[in-house]
């Protein structure tokens, strides 16, 4: 128990250092980038004293060093300030975006796992067959395409050419006039293309890693012994091959879920979805310093927290990790 606590404290300390470095990096990049966020609030007709008051309100009248110290203080107190654009606390703006991002990200994450495992279950008896080779080639080709290309192809094909699904927004303009069943159908139809766009890359990654791990596990002596002993191939795969193949992928699962919770920048922006990804992009484009910092810190916390949970799980379930770390 003492060894586990030591490793946990080391993981937490490393995560905090990483988060601090992320905050410093984002702060520096924002301040050295060209432009002044105050300019959009300023008119040539404004009194110079009013201009100074606006800068003072946003703490932009202080030196970079003073702004950074205030920022660090706010982080530790959980106060990221007021968003320039929304005129609301940053935490409130992020909390509102999470109402969409959490269920959206969770749905895509579950689909990724189910789809990857479904592919594996369907071809485990046909390893090395033509179907297996074709799927491996197709997944490799799809993995090489960035999410923006996948999104644009889906929009072109299913929204513009076939006119099956909407190309953007979460609901239709006449959503409020629909009955409950029609509202559900309308919402689902708007989410089909974004879910496919966000789920496909993760599915391919999980499948590729699992497929590679399965080939490795099948070469282990204990699997060869089970096969020679006449154990059914289905039993060997479900009870021995798959569990041992999934274990190395657990870290990848944690990182992917953290990234999804942090916001799918490309997907949410292209499909105009009201989540963390679109919020982050808009904050960057409008130079909303407090909101950018809040989004960046939140995304970093989600990724680090997901990886921390995975590390704790792996440490608890595999004693060899404790031995290696100590």
C-alpha atoms as a PDB file:
ATOM      1  CA  UNK A   1       0.000   0.000   0.000  1.00  0.00           C
ATOM      2  CA  UNK A   2       2.894   2.342   0.808  1.00  0.00           C
ATOM      3  CA  UNK A   3       4.460   1.668  -2.597  1.00  0.00           C
ATOM      4  CA  UNK A   4       1.191   2.391  -4.356  1.00  0.00           C
ATOM      5  CA  UNK A   5       0.770   5.684  -2.457  1.00  0.00           C
ATOM      6  CA  UNK A   6       4.293   6.716  -3.430  1.00  0.00           C
ATOM      7  CA  UNK A   7       3.626   6.077  -7.108  1.00  0.00           C
ATOM      8  CA  UNK A   8       0.295   7.909  -6.925  1.00  0.00           C
ATOM      9  CA  UNK A   9       1.935  10.970  -5.367  1.00  0.00           C
ATOM     10  CA  UNK A  10       4.617  10.934  -8.072  1.00  0.00           C
ATOM     11  CA  UNK A  11       1.947  10.809 -10.784  1.00  0.00           C
ATOM     12  CA  UNK A  12       0.017  13.693  -9.214  1.00  0.00           C
ATOM     13  CA  UNK A  13       3.169  15.787  -8.818  1.00  0.00           C
ATOM     14  CA  UNK A  14       4.158  15.168 -12.446  1.00  0.00           C
ATOM     15  CA  UNK A  15       0.664  16.097 -13.609  1.00  0.00           C
ATOM     16  CA  UNK A  16       0.739  19.365 -11.659  1.00  0.00           C
ATOM     17  CA  UNK A  17       4.129  20.295 -13.134  1.00  0.00           C
ATOM     18  CA  UNK A  18       2.825  19.529 -16.635  1.00  0.00           C
ATOM     19  CA  UNK A  19      -0.269  21.648 -16.024  1.00  0.00           C
ATOM     20  CA  UNK A  20       1.839  24.550 -14.774  1.00  0.00           C
ATOM     21  CA  UNK A  21       4.089  24.406 -17.850  1.00  0.00           C
ATOM     22  CA  UNK A  22       1.003  24.307 -20.076  1.00  0.00           C
ATOM     23  CA  UNK A  23      -0.359  27.425 -18.390  1.00  0.00           C
ATOM     24  CA  UNK A  24       2.952  29.255 -18.820  1.00  0.00           C
ATOM     25  CA  UNK A  25       3.179  28.277 -22.485  1.00  0.00           C
ATOM     26  CA  UNK A  26      -0.382  29.353 -23.319  1.00  0.00           C
ATOM     27  CA  UNK A  27       0.037  32.628 -21.430  1.00  0.00           C
ATOM     28  CA  UNK A  28       3.257  33.471 -23.297  1.00  0.00           C
ATOM     29  CA  UNK A  29       1.831  32.543 -26.717  1.00  0.00           C
ATOM     30  CA  UNK A  30      -1.235  34.729 -26.157  1.00  0.00           C
ATOM     31  CA  UNK A  31       0.783  37.724 -25.054  1.00  0.00           C
ATOM     32  CA  UNK A  32       3.374  37.593 -27.858  1.00  0.00           C
ATOM     33  CA  UNK A  33       0.782  37.099 -30.606  1.00  0.00           C
ATOM     34  CA  UNK A  34      -0.055  40.271 -32.585  1.00  0.00           C
ATOM     35  CA  UNK A  35      -3.180  42.287 -31.921  1.00  0.00           C
ATOM     36  CA  UNK A  36      -4.911  43.819 -28.949  1.00  0.00           C
ATOM     37  CA  UNK A  37      -8.204  42.379 -27.657  1.00  0.00           C
ATOM     38  CA  UNK A  38      -9.228  45.771 -26.307  1.00  0.00           C
ATOM     39  CA  UNK A  39      -9.445  47.258 -29.821  1.00  0.00           C
ATOM     40  CA  UNK A  40     -12.827  45.655 -30.519  1.00  0.00           C
ATOM     41  CA  UNK A  41     -14.288  47.549 -27.554  1.00  0.00           C
ATOM     42  CA  UNK A  42     -12.731  50.851 -28.566  1.00  0.00           C
ATOM     43  CA  UNK A  43     -14.037  53.439 -30.991  1.00  0.00           C
ATOM     44  CA  UNK A  44     -12.067  56.474 -32.250  1.00  0.00           C
ATOM     45  CA  UNK A  45     -14.842  58.579 -30.713  1.00  0.00           C
ATOM     46  CA  UNK A  46     -14.165  57.260 -27.215  1.00  0.00           C
ATOM     47  CA  UNK A  47     -12.524  59.464 -24.645  1.00  0.00           C
ATOM     48  CA  UNK A  48      -8.896  58.385 -23.941  1.00  0.00           C
ATOM     49  CA  UNK A  49      -9.775  58.103 -20.267  1.00  0.00           C
ATOM     50  CA  UNK A  50     -12.543  55.618 -21.108  1.00  0.00           C
ATOM     51  CA  UNK A  51     -10.049  53.583 -23.170  1.00  0.00           C
ATOM     52  CA  UNK A  52      -7.775  53.361 -20.139  1.00  0.00           C
ATOM     53  CA  UNK A  53     -10.728  52.306 -17.990  1.00  0.00           C
ATOM     54  CA  UNK A  54     -11.482  49.454 -20.401  1.00  0.00           C
ATOM     55  CA  UNK A  55      -7.858  48.292 -20.269  1.00  0.00           C
ATOM     56  CA  UNK A  56      -7.912  48.534 -16.493  1.00  0.00           C
ATOM     57  CA  UNK A  57     -11.077  46.429 -16.357  1.00  0.00           C
ATOM     58  CA  UNK A  58      -9.325  43.634 -18.269  1.00  0.00           C
ATOM     59  CA  UNK A  59      -6.070  44.101 -16.272  1.00  0.00           C
ATOM     60  CA  UNK A  60      -4.298  44.890 -19.548  1.00  0.00           C
ATOM     61  CA  UNK A  61      -2.894  48.087 -18.087  1.00  0.00           C
ATOM     62  CA  UNK A  62      -0.531  46.024 -15.923  1.00  0.00           C
ATOM     63  CA  UNK A  63       2.835  44.611 -16.951  1.00  0.00           C
ATOM     64  CA  UNK A  64       3.123  41.071 -18.340  1.00  0.00           C
ATOM     65  CA  UNK A  65       4.711  39.915 -15.083  1.00  0.00           C
ATOM     66  CA  UNK A  66       1.842  41.316 -13.007  1.00  0.00           C
ATOM     67  CA  UNK A  67      -0.751  39.793 -15.343  1.00  0.00           C
ATOM     68  CA  UNK A  68       0.934  36.400 -15.017  1.00  0.00           C
ATOM     69  CA  UNK A  69       1.020  36.564 -11.210  1.00  0.00           C
ATOM     70  CA  UNK A  70      -2.669  37.463 -11.158  1.00  0.00           C
ATOM     71  CA  UNK A  71      -3.355  34.584 -13.525  1.00  0.00           C
ATOM     72  CA  UNK A  72      -1.491  32.089 -11.310  1.00  0.00           C
ATOM     73  CA  UNK A  73      -3.395  33.325  -8.278  1.00  0.00           C
ATOM     74  CA  UNK A  74      -6.689  32.904 -10.112  1.00  0.00           C
ATOM     75  CA  UNK A  75      -5.819  29.344 -11.150  1.00  0.00           C
ATOM     76  CA  UNK A  76      -5.233  28.259  -7.566  1.00  0.00           C
ATOM     77  CA  UNK A  77      -8.461  29.928  -6.461  1.00  0.00           C
ATOM     78  CA  UNK A  78     -10.458  28.491  -9.363  1.00  0.00           C
ATOM     79  CA  UNK A  79     -11.223  31.941 -10.761  1.00  0.00           C
ATOM     80  CA  UNK A  80     -10.286  32.418 -14.439  1.00  0.00           C
ATOM     81  CA  UNK A  81     -11.828  35.854 -14.629  1.00  0.00           C
ATOM     82  CA  UNK A  82     -14.557  37.264 -16.855  1.00  0.00           C
ATOM     83  CA  UNK A  83     -14.830  36.374 -20.534  1.00  0.00           C
ATOM     84  CA  UNK A  84     -14.330  39.414 -22.770  1.00  0.00           C
ATOM     85  CA  UNK A  85     -16.978  38.228 -25.226  1.00  0.00           C
ATOM     86  CA  UNK A  86     -19.647  36.693 -23.006  1.00  0.00           C
ATOM     87  CA  UNK A  87     -19.296  39.137 -20.069  1.00  0.00           C
ATOM     88  CA  UNK A  88     -19.709  36.099 -17.793  1.00  0.00           C
ATOM     89  CA  UNK A  89     -17.318  34.160 -15.541  1.00  0.00           C
ATOM     90  CA  UNK A  90     -15.161  31.804 -17.593  1.00  0.00           C
ATOM     91  CA  UNK A  91     -16.179  28.857 -15.426  1.00  0.00           C
ATOM     92  CA  UNK A  92     -19.853  29.510 -16.238  1.00  0.00           C
ATOM     93  CA  UNK A  93     -19.156  29.696 -19.970  1.00  0.00           C
ATOM     94  CA  UNK A  94     -17.183  26.436 -19.902  1.00  0.00           C
ATOM     95  CA  UNK A  95     -19.838  24.723 -17.765  1.00  0.00           C
ATOM     96  CA  UNK A  96     -22.474  25.663 -20.341  1.00  0.00           C
ATOM     97  CA  UNK A  97     -20.369  24.193 -23.177  1.00  0.00           C
ATOM     98  CA  UNK A  98     -19.835  20.981 -21.215  1.00  0.00           C
ATOM     99  CA  UNK A  99     -23.582  20.310 -21.253  1.00  0.00           C
ATOM    100  CA  UNK A 100     -23.082  19.292 -24.871  1.00  0.00           C
ATOM    101  CA  UNK A 101     -19.477  18.087 -24.868  1.00  0.00           C
ATOM    102  CA  UNK A 102     -19.763  15.500 -22.062  1.00  0.00           C
ATOM    103  CA  UNK A 103     -22.620  13.428 -23.583  1.00  0.00           C
ATOM    104  CA  UNK A 104     -21.255  13.939 -27.112  1.00  0.00           C
ATOM    105  CA  UNK A 105     -17.716  12.864 -26.181  1.00  0.00           C
ATOM    106  CA  UNK A 106     -18.950   9.939 -24.084  1.00  0.00           C
ATOM    107  CA  UNK A 107     -21.148   8.678 -26.923  1.00  0.00           C
ATOM    108  CA  UNK A 108     -18.291   8.847 -29.424  1.00  0.00           C
ATOM    109  CA  UNK A 109     -15.926   7.130 -26.991  1.00  0.00           C
ATOM    110  CA  UNK A 110     -18.328   4.226 -26.435  1.00  0.00           C
ATOM    111  CA  UNK A 111     -18.907   3.902 -30.182  1.00  0.00           C
ATOM    112  CA  UNK A 112     -15.149   3.784 -30.792  1.00  0.00           C
ATOM    113  CA  UNK A 113     -14.694   0.898 -28.363  1.00  0.00           C
ATOM    114  CA  UNK A 114     -17.735  -1.065 -29.564  1.00  0.00           C
ATOM    115  CA  UNK A 115     -16.834  -0.611 -33.242  1.00  0.00           C
ATOM    116  CA  UNK A 116     -13.191  -1.621 -32.710  1.00  0.00           C
ATOM    117  CA  UNK A 117     -14.148  -4.717 -30.718  1.00  0.00           C
ATOM    118  CA  UNK A 118     -16.875  -5.551 -33.239  1.00  0.00           C
ATOM    119  CA  UNK A 119     -14.340  -5.592 -36.070  1.00  0.00           C
ATOM    120  CA  UNK A 120     -12.036  -7.817 -34.059  1.00  0.00           C
ATOM    121  CA  UNK A 121     -14.742 -10.316 -33.124  1.00  0.00           C
ATOM    122  CA  UNK A 122     -15.802 -10.592 -36.763  1.00  0.00           C
ATOM    123  CA  UNK A 123     -12.341 -11.389 -38.141  1.00  0.00           C
ATOM    124  CA  UNK A 124     -10.551 -13.227 -35.335  1.00  0.00           C
ATOM    125  CA  UNK A 125     -11.289 -16.557 -37.054  1.00  0.00           C
ATOM    126  CA  UNK A 126     -10.080 -15.171 -40.373  1.00  0.00           C
ATOM    127  CA  UNK A 127      -6.664 -13.824 -39.424  1.00  0.00           C
ATOM    128  CA  UNK A 128      -4.514 -13.600 -42.523  1.00  0.00           C
ATOM    129  CA  UNK A 129      -7.510 -13.988 -44.871  1.00  0.00           C
ATOM    130  CA  UNK A 130      -8.345 -11.639 -47.728  1.00  0.00           C
ATOM    131  CA  UNK A 131     -10.977  -9.878 -45.592  1.00  0.00           C
ATOM    132  CA  UNK A 132      -8.452  -9.357 -42.800  1.00  0.00           C
ATOM    133  CA  UNK A 133      -5.888  -7.887 -45.189  1.00  0.00           C
ATOM    134  CA  UNK A 134      -8.475  -5.630 -46.842  1.00  0.00           C
ATOM    135  CA  UNK A 135      -9.673  -4.266 -43.486  1.00  0.00           C
ATOM    136  CA  UNK A 136      -6.080  -3.614 -42.413  1.00  0.00           C
ATOM    137  CA  UNK A 137      -5.385  -1.683 -45.622  1.00  0.00           C
ATOM    138  CA  UNK A 138      -8.624   0.290 -45.405  1.00  0.00           C
ATOM    139  CA  UNK A 139      -8.012   1.274 -41.785  1.00  0.00           C
ATOM    140  CA  UNK A 140      -4.480   2.366 -42.666  1.00  0.00           C
ATOM    141  CA  UNK A 141      -5.767   4.549 -45.511  1.00  0.00           C
ATOM    142  CA  UNK A 142      -8.531   6.089 -43.385  1.00  0.00           C
ATOM    143  CA  UNK A 143      -6.096   6.756 -40.539  1.00  0.00           C
ATOM    144  CA  UNK A 144      -3.973   8.854 -42.895  1.00  0.00           C
ATOM    145  CA  UNK A 145      -6.868  11.267 -43.497  1.00  0.00           C
ATOM    146  CA  UNK A 146      -7.206  14.152 -41.016  1.00  0.00           C
ATOM    147  CA  UNK A 147     -10.565  14.729 -39.343  1.00  0.00           C
ATOM    148  CA  UNK A 148     -11.246  17.837 -41.421  1.00  0.00           C
ATOM    149  CA  UNK A 149     -11.078  15.810 -44.647  1.00  0.00           C
ATOM    150  CA  UNK A 150     -13.373  13.135 -43.236  1.00  0.00           C
ATOM    151  CA  UNK A 151     -15.876  15.794 -42.152  1.00  0.00           C
ATOM    152  CA  UNK A 152     -15.852  17.564 -45.511  1.00  0.00           C
ATOM    153  CA  UNK A 153     -16.276  14.305 -47.439  1.00  0.00           C
ATOM    154  CA  UNK A 154     -19.207  13.278 -45.247  1.00  0.00           C
ATOM    155  CA  UNK A 155     -20.854  16.685 -45.663  1.00  0.00           C
ATOM    156  CA  UNK A 156     -20.343  16.620 -49.436  1.00  0.00           C
ATOM    157  CA  UNK A 157     -21.700  13.107 -49.827  1.00  0.00           C
ATOM    158  CA  UNK A 158     -24.525  12.851 -47.277  1.00  0.00           C
ATOM    159  CA  UNK A 159     -25.584  16.493 -46.894  1.00  0.00           C
ATOM    160  CA  UNK A 160     -25.076  18.083 -50.314  1.00  0.00           C
ATOM    161  CA  UNK A 161     -25.266  15.210 -52.809  1.00  0.00           C
ATOM    162  CA  UNK A 162     -27.665  12.749 -51.142  1.00  0.00           C
ATOM    163  CA  UNK A 163     -29.321  15.321 -48.843  1.00  0.00           C
ATOM    164  CA  UNK A 164     -29.827  12.723 -46.104  1.00  0.00           C
ATOM    165  CA  UNK A 165     -28.380  14.497 -43.076  1.00  0.00           C
ATOM    166  CA  UNK A 166     -28.003  18.190 -42.124  1.00  0.00           C
ATOM    167  CA  UNK A 167     -24.556  19.702 -42.597  1.00  0.00           C
ATOM    168  CA  UNK A 168     -24.384  21.878 -39.468  1.00  0.00           C
ATOM    169  CA  UNK A 169     -25.944  23.012 -36.177  1.00  0.00           C
ATOM    170  CA  UNK A 170     -27.405  20.908 -33.402  1.00  0.00           C
ATOM    171  CA  UNK A 171     -31.079  21.295 -34.315  1.00  0.00           C
ATOM    172  CA  UNK A 172     -33.190  22.704 -37.142  1.00  0.00           C
ATOM    173  CA  UNK A 173     -34.588  26.241 -37.202  1.00  0.00           C
ATOM    174  CA  UNK A 174     -38.145  24.978 -36.646  1.00  0.00           C
ATOM    175  CA  UNK A 175     -37.100  22.690 -33.778  1.00  0.00           C
ATOM    176  CA  UNK A 176     -39.370  24.392 -31.253  1.00  0.00           C
ATOM    177  CA  UNK A 177     -42.413  23.679 -33.443  1.00  0.00           C
ATOM    178  CA  UNK A 178     -41.789  19.925 -33.626  1.00  0.00           C
ATOM    179  CA  UNK A 179     -43.452  17.303 -31.455  1.00  0.00           C
ATOM    180  CA  UNK A 180     -41.293  15.249 -29.008  1.00  0.00           C
ATOM    181  CA  UNK A 181     -40.686  12.358 -31.432  1.00  0.00           C
ATOM    182  CA  UNK A 182     -39.795  14.723 -34.267  1.00  0.00           C
ATOM    183  CA  UNK A 183     -37.416  16.606 -31.960  1.00  0.00           C
ATOM    184  CA  UNK A 184     -35.539  13.406 -31.126  1.00  0.00           C
ATOM    185  CA  UNK A 185     -35.303  12.451 -34.803  1.00  0.00           C
ATOM    186  CA  UNK A 186     -34.140  15.960 -35.710  1.00  0.00           C
ATOM    187  CA  UNK A 187     -31.458  15.955 -33.004  1.00  0.00           C
ATOM    188  CA  UNK A 188     -30.170  12.506 -33.994  1.00  0.00           C
ATOM    189  CA  UNK A 189     -30.062  13.424 -37.687  1.00  0.00           C
ATOM    190  CA  UNK A 190     -27.920  16.473 -36.888  1.00  0.00           C
ATOM    191  CA  UNK A 191     -25.502  14.401 -34.807  1.00  0.00           C
ATOM    192  CA  UNK A 192     -24.959  11.484 -37.213  1.00  0.00           C
ATOM    193  CA  UNK A 193     -22.210  13.096 -39.297  1.00  0.00           C
ATOM    194  CA  UNK A 194     -20.374  14.698 -36.325  1.00  0.00           C
ATOM    195  CA  UNK A 195     -20.420  11.397 -34.416  1.00  0.00           C
ATOM    196  CA  UNK A 196     -19.025   9.514 -37.410  1.00  0.00           C
ATOM    197  CA  UNK A 197     -16.342  12.170 -37.926  1.00  0.00           C
ATOM    198  CA  UNK A 198     -15.221  12.062 -34.308  1.00  0.00           C
ATOM    199  CA  UNK A 199     -15.593   8.308 -33.787  1.00  0.00           C
ATOM    200  CA  UNK A 200     -13.921   7.018 -36.943  1.00  0.00           C
ATOM    201  CA  UNK A 201     -10.292   8.020 -36.176  1.00  0.00           C
ATOM    202  CA  UNK A 202     -10.464   6.631 -32.638  1.00  0.00           C
ATOM    203  CA  UNK A 203     -12.048   3.408 -33.861  1.00  0.00           C
ATOM    204  CA  UNK A 204      -9.235   2.933 -36.356  1.00  0.00           C
ATOM    205  CA  UNK A 205      -6.558   3.596 -33.738  1.00  0.00           C
ATOM    206  CA  UNK A 206      -8.092   1.198 -31.203  1.00  0.00           C
ATOM    207  CA  UNK A 207      -8.592  -1.483 -33.846  1.00  0.00           C
ATOM    208  CA  UNK A 208      -5.042  -1.160 -35.184  1.00  0.00           C
ATOM    209  CA  UNK A 209      -3.482  -1.368 -31.735  1.00  0.00           C
ATOM    210  CA  UNK A 210      -5.666  -4.298 -30.703  1.00  0.00           C
ATOM    211  CA  UNK A 211      -5.058  -6.105 -33.983  1.00  0.00           C
ATOM    212  CA  UNK A 212      -1.286  -5.738 -33.572  1.00  0.00           C
ATOM    213  CA  UNK A 213      -1.437  -6.872 -29.941  1.00  0.00           C
ATOM    214  CA  UNK A 214      -3.509  -9.919 -30.901  1.00  0.00           C
ATOM    215  CA  UNK A 215      -0.824 -11.030 -33.361  1.00  0.00           C
ATOM    216  CA  UNK A 216       1.772 -10.725 -30.606  1.00  0.00           C
ATOM    217  CA  UNK A 217      -0.309 -12.611 -28.016  1.00  0.00           C
ATOM    218  CA  UNK A 218      -1.043 -15.438 -30.463  1.00  0.00           C
ATOM    219  CA  UNK A 219       2.703 -16.040 -30.691  1.00  0.00           C
ATOM    220  CA  UNK A 220       3.081 -16.516 -26.922  1.00  0.00           C
ATOM    221  CA  UNK A 221       3.926 -20.008 -25.638  1.00  0.00           C
ATOM    222  CA  UNK A 222       0.872 -20.284 -23.379  1.00  0.00           C
ATOM    223  CA  UNK A 223      -1.442 -19.683 -26.361  1.00  0.00           C
ATOM    224  CA  UNK A 224       0.376 -22.303 -28.415  1.00  0.00           C
ATOM    225  CA  UNK A 225       0.055 -24.707 -25.480  1.00  0.00           C
ATOM    226  CA  UNK A 226      -3.704 -24.090 -25.238  1.00  0.00           C
ATOM    227  CA  UNK A 227      -4.105 -24.675 -28.960  1.00  0.00           C
ATOM    228  CA  UNK A 228      -2.084 -27.869 -28.782  1.00  0.00           C
ATOM    229  CA  UNK A 229      -4.223 -29.017 -25.828  1.00  0.00           C
ATOM    230  CA  UNK A 230      -7.338 -28.848 -27.965  1.00  0.00           C
ATOM    231  CA  UNK A 231      -8.985 -25.837 -26.324  1.00  0.00           C
ATOM    232  CA  UNK A 232     -11.593 -24.232 -28.587  1.00  0.00           C
ATOM    233  CA  UNK A 233     -10.322 -21.254 -30.568  1.00  0.00           C
ATOM    234  CA  UNK A 234     -13.304 -19.172 -29.452  1.00  0.00           C
ATOM    235  CA  UNK A 235     -12.494 -19.830 -25.791  1.00  0.00           C
ATOM    236  CA  UNK A 236      -8.820 -19.033 -26.294  1.00  0.00           C
ATOM    237  CA  UNK A 237      -9.641 -15.751 -28.004  1.00  0.00           C
ATOM    238  CA  UNK A 238     -12.237 -14.503 -25.492  1.00  0.00           C
ATOM    239  CA  UNK A 239     -10.589 -15.706 -22.282  1.00  0.00           C
ATOM    240  CA  UNK A 240      -6.892 -15.293 -23.041  1.00  0.00           C
ATOM    241  CA  UNK A 241      -6.026 -13.445 -26.258  1.00  0.00           C
ATOM    242  CA  UNK A 242      -8.431 -10.510 -26.015  1.00  0.00           C
ATOM    243  CA  UNK A 243      -7.821  -9.679 -22.303  1.00  0.00           C
ATOM    244  CA  UNK A 244      -4.051  -9.723 -22.797  1.00  0.00           C
ATOM    245  CA  UNK A 245      -4.377  -7.635 -25.959  1.00  0.00           C
ATOM    246  CA  UNK A 246      -6.573  -4.988 -24.339  1.00  0.00           C
ATOM    247  CA  UNK A 247      -4.318  -4.368 -21.323  1.00  0.00           C
ATOM    248  CA  UNK A 248      -1.619  -2.390 -23.254  1.00  0.00           C
ATOM    249  CA  UNK A 249      -4.343  -0.284 -24.918  1.00  0.00           C
ATOM    250  CA  UNK A 250      -5.807   0.961 -21.630  1.00  0.00           C
ATOM    251  CA  UNK A 251      -3.441   3.946 -21.589  1.00  0.00           C
ATOM    252  CA  UNK A 252      -4.558   4.866 -25.093  1.00  0.00           C
ATOM    253  CA  UNK A 253      -8.206   4.709 -24.003  1.00  0.00           C
ATOM    254  CA  UNK A 254      -7.572   7.121 -21.151  1.00  0.00           C
ATOM    255  CA  UNK A 255      -5.778   9.620 -23.348  1.00  0.00           C
ATOM    256  CA  UNK A 256      -8.473   9.470 -26.042  1.00  0.00           C
ATOM    257  CA  UNK A 257     -11.296  10.040 -23.553  1.00  0.00           C
ATOM    258  CA  UNK A 258      -9.440  12.988 -22.037  1.00  0.00           C
ATOM    259  CA  UNK A 259      -8.962  14.532 -25.476  1.00  0.00           C
ATOM    260  CA  UNK A 260     -12.642  14.077 -26.324  1.00  0.00           C
ATOM    261  CA  UNK A 261     -13.737  15.731 -23.084  1.00  0.00           C
ATOM    262  CA  UNK A 262     -11.326  18.581 -23.729  1.00  0.00           C
ATOM    263  CA  UNK A 263     -13.197  19.386 -26.912  1.00  0.00           C
ATOM    264  CA  UNK A 264     -13.128  18.206 -30.507  1.00  0.00           C
ATOM    265  CA  UNK A 265     -11.902  21.414 -32.128  1.00  0.00           C
ATOM    266  CA  UNK A 266     -12.290  20.497 -35.785  1.00  0.00           C
ATOM    267  CA  UNK A 267     -15.503  18.488 -35.545  1.00  0.00           C
ATOM    268  CA  UNK A 268     -17.416  20.967 -33.391  1.00  0.00           C
ATOM    269  CA  UNK A 269     -16.237  23.937 -35.452  1.00  0.00           C
ATOM    270  CA  UNK A 270     -17.085  22.459 -38.858  1.00  0.00           C
ATOM    271  CA  UNK A 271     -20.520  21.243 -37.747  1.00  0.00           C
ATOM    272  CA  UNK A 272     -21.227  24.369 -35.608  1.00  0.00           C
ATOM    273  CA  UNK A 273     -21.810  22.411 -32.424  1.00  0.00           C
ATOM    274  CA  UNK A 274     -22.048  24.254 -29.079  1.00  0.00           C
ATOM    275  CA  UNK A 275     -19.247  22.409 -27.279  1.00  0.00           C
ATOM    276  CA  UNK A 276     -15.788  22.960 -25.825  1.00  0.00           C
ATOM    277  CA  UNK A 277     -14.050  22.637 -29.179  1.00  0.00           C
ATOM    278  CA  UNK A 278     -15.969  25.392 -30.902  1.00  0.00           C
ATOM    279  CA  UNK A 279     -15.798  27.535 -27.766  1.00  0.00           C
ATOM    280  CA  UNK A 280     -11.999  27.241 -27.710  1.00  0.00           C
ATOM    281  CA  UNK A 281     -11.643  28.135 -31.393  1.00  0.00           C
ATOM    282  CA  UNK A 282     -13.906  31.182 -31.053  1.00  0.00           C
ATOM    283  CA  UNK A 283     -12.028  32.314 -27.952  1.00  0.00           C
ATOM    284  CA  UNK A 284      -8.719  32.122 -29.820  1.00  0.00           C
ATOM    285  CA  UNK A 285     -10.018  33.953 -32.883  1.00  0.00           C
ATOM    286  CA  UNK A 286     -11.500  36.772 -30.776  1.00  0.00           C
ATOM    287  CA  UNK A 287      -8.467  36.917 -28.451  1.00  0.00           C
ATOM    288  CA  UNK A 288     -10.575  36.307 -25.380  1.00  0.00           C
ATOM    289  CA  UNK A 289      -7.600  35.815 -23.046  1.00  0.00           C
ATOM    290  CA  UNK A 290      -9.436  34.557 -19.932  1.00  0.00           C
ATOM    291  CA  UNK A 291     -11.588  32.139 -21.922  1.00  0.00           C
ATOM    292  CA  UNK A 292      -8.641  30.777 -23.922  1.00  0.00           C
ATOM    293  CA  UNK A 293      -6.724  30.142 -20.713  1.00  0.00           C
ATOM    294  CA  UNK A 294      -9.744  28.548 -19.080  1.00  0.00           C
ATOM    295  CA  UNK A 295     -10.367  26.234 -22.049  1.00  0.00           C
ATOM    296  CA  UNK A 296      -6.696  25.292 -22.317  1.00  0.00           C
ATOM    297  CA  UNK A 297      -6.371  24.545 -18.611  1.00  0.00           C
ATOM    298  CA  UNK A 298      -9.601  22.551 -18.584  1.00  0.00           C
ATOM    299  CA  UNK A 299      -8.513  20.477 -21.594  1.00  0.00           C
ATOM    300  CA  UNK A 300      -5.136  19.852 -19.985  1.00  0.00           C
ATOM    301  CA  UNK A 301      -6.770  18.807 -16.719  1.00  0.00           C
ATOM    302  CA  UNK A 302      -9.088  16.369 -18.517  1.00  0.00           C
ATOM    303  CA  UNK A 303      -6.217  14.682 -20.376  1.00  0.00           C
ATOM    304  CA  UNK A 304      -3.993  14.523 -17.293  1.00  0.00           C
ATOM    305  CA  UNK A 305      -6.840  13.304 -15.089  1.00  0.00           C
ATOM    306  CA  UNK A 306      -7.819  10.573 -17.555  1.00  0.00           C
ATOM    307  CA  UNK A 307      -4.211   9.400 -17.789  1.00  0.00           C
ATOM    308  CA  UNK A 308      -3.851   9.537 -14.005  1.00  0.00           C
ATOM    309  CA  UNK A 309      -6.911   7.318 -13.558  1.00  0.00           C
ATOM    310  CA  UNK A 310      -5.500   4.858 -16.100  1.00  0.00           C
ATOM    311  CA  UNK A 311      -2.094   4.835 -14.382  1.00  0.00           C
ATOM    312  CA  UNK A 312      -3.734   4.172 -11.012  1.00  0.00           C
ATOM    313  CA  UNK A 313      -5.787   1.334 -12.488  1.00  0.00           C
ATOM    314  CA  UNK A 314      -2.779  -0.263 -14.166  1.00  0.00           C
ATOM    315  CA  UNK A 315      -0.694   0.084 -11.015  1.00  0.00           C
ATOM    316  CA  UNK A 316      -3.400  -1.517  -8.879  1.00  0.00           C
ATOM    317  CA  UNK A 317      -3.934  -4.410 -11.276  1.00  0.00           C
ATOM    318  CA  UNK A 318      -0.337  -5.085 -12.303  1.00  0.00           C
ATOM    319  CA  UNK A 319       2.230  -5.465  -9.545  1.00  0.00           C
ATOM    320  CA  UNK A 320       5.081  -5.382 -12.058  1.00  0.00           C
ATOM    321  CA  UNK A 321       4.536  -1.632 -12.543  1.00  0.00           C
ATOM    322  CA  UNK A 322       5.242  -1.005  -8.858  1.00  0.00           C
ATOM    323  CA  UNK A 323       8.442  -2.994  -9.088  1.00  0.00           C
ATOM    324  CA  UNK A 324       9.620  -1.084 -12.156  1.00  0.00           C
ATOM    325  CA  UNK A 325       8.842   2.329 -10.683  1.00  0.00           C
ATOM    326  CA  UNK A 326      10.596   1.565  -7.444  1.00  0.00           C
END
